Amino acid sequence: MTYSDNSTNQELLKGLMRSVEPDELSSKYLKEAITGEYNASIQYEQYSEIADSEGYPNISLLYKALTEAERIHINNHQNALREDFIPGSSPFESGSTLENLTKSIAGEEYEYKKMYPEFRKLIKSESSNQQNSVARLSMKWAMEVEKIHSRLLKLAHRALQKDEDIDLLNIYVCKICGNLKVASTQPASYCPICGHDASFYEPVKSTADIQHPNDFLDNFHLQGGEIIRQITFGMNDGVVSIFALLAGVAGAGQPPHIILITLLAATVAGALSMAAGEFISNKSENDYYNHEISQERLEIKLIPEIEKEEVRKIYRNKGFSGNLLEQVVDKITENEDLWAREMVIDELGVTELEHKSGLKSAFVIFFAFVVGACFPVLPYLILLKSSLDSMDIFYIATIVTVVGLFLSGAMKKFVTGVNWFKSGFEMLVVGACAYAISYLIGSIIPF
């Protein structure tokens, strides 16, 4: 019986298990695990619908990802079982999303703390032959993945206690082991749990598609959490820093044309500074990763046997053993580039090595800073030649910027899912504090 469209996963495991027949003990625990995962998938599917109806699209997305992951676990266990087994469903009661999260966390913790460790221990102690290694491996993968599920559910639970949605970008699921990866772009490295190539990661669904399919980010075709972060950070910094400068210069009693020149100069300087910083930061990170990969290639050439043994150790710690372990090691070490990347990922303790575009990031943050700075600058640019006096223009610029502060803060709703009013108010408070301090300094320092 198939519970998800995962033919690649099934064929891969079936090929590895062609000569493996589980004994009676393995079959018993595999069936219990399948039943547990099956019931969890049914519950999560319903919990996703409830979360969506309550206005928490990101938590709904998380539950969709969890449903898919549990179905992958079912397929893996079925393949290890090597017989058709139809699990029975158990009745359950759903509640509010907060209540559902509490129950889900308890269920995940039971699986990775008690159920899977006990099953694997009993299978190994009663029958440690090679025939049961695949059953233990399938359970090992599921156990490690459930830990990640629990962490994500706890993050959602903490957010919901504050009446906020969980902060998610995109969720990718490993079609081999069900591992979930929250990332701005397609993962570029091996899955840290099953060790398979990043091509096995598939997106569940973009949060952006759910929350705001027609917002300005889509109009500019700017996709990915890193770009969204740069837009939010750059715009917020632009509006706050230039607003604070306006308060300081106006507090010093400077005429409108001096204020305008000062704000324009600060806008250009600030935008260039942030763009340069972003470019250098991304380039430095890329250079560092490239250096580490080059160094690892040298070590592979100089001491190939030692480096190969390190790969063997990495995957032994992930639960591989016997012929399966040797197959994985041989597959990785036959490609020097993949071999080097795998070693660097393990040594640096990261989950992926992602090349970042320094120029694109610099342009995005430059543009975002300028947009934020327009709120305090445009009133002076438009009203400079008007009949209004200096203080009138200052008051108008202040009102416009206050609106801009609130909007820039509320915009984080589309990024994080937090309450838009709360986020906007927080940004307003931050800007007001900077404004008051700068105005005070400008008014007390003599010119």
Foldseek 3Di string as FASTA:
>chain_A
DADDDQVVQLVVLCVVCVPAADDPLLLVLLLVLLQLLVQLLVLLQVLLVLCVVVPQNQSSLLSLLSSLLSSLLNSLSCSLNVDDDDHDYDDDDDDHNLVSLVVLLVSLCCLLVPSLVVSLVVCCVVPVDPNCLSSNLSSLLQNVQSVVSNVQSVQQNVQVVVVFHFFAFWWKAQSNRSHIDGFFDQFQAAALQQRDGSVSIDTSDGPLCVPPVPDVCVVVPPGGLVLVVLLLVLLLCLLQVLLLVLLQQVLLVDFLVVNLVVLVVCLQVVLQVVLVVLLVVLVVLLVVLVVQLVVLLVCCVVPVVVLLVVQLVSVVVSSDDDPRSVVSSVVQVVDSSSSSQVVVCVVVVHRHRDRDDSNVSSVSSSVSSNVNNCLLNVLSVVCVPPPDGRVVSSVNSVVSSLVSQLVSQLVCCSRGRGHSNVSSVVSSVSSVVSSVVSSVNSNPDHD
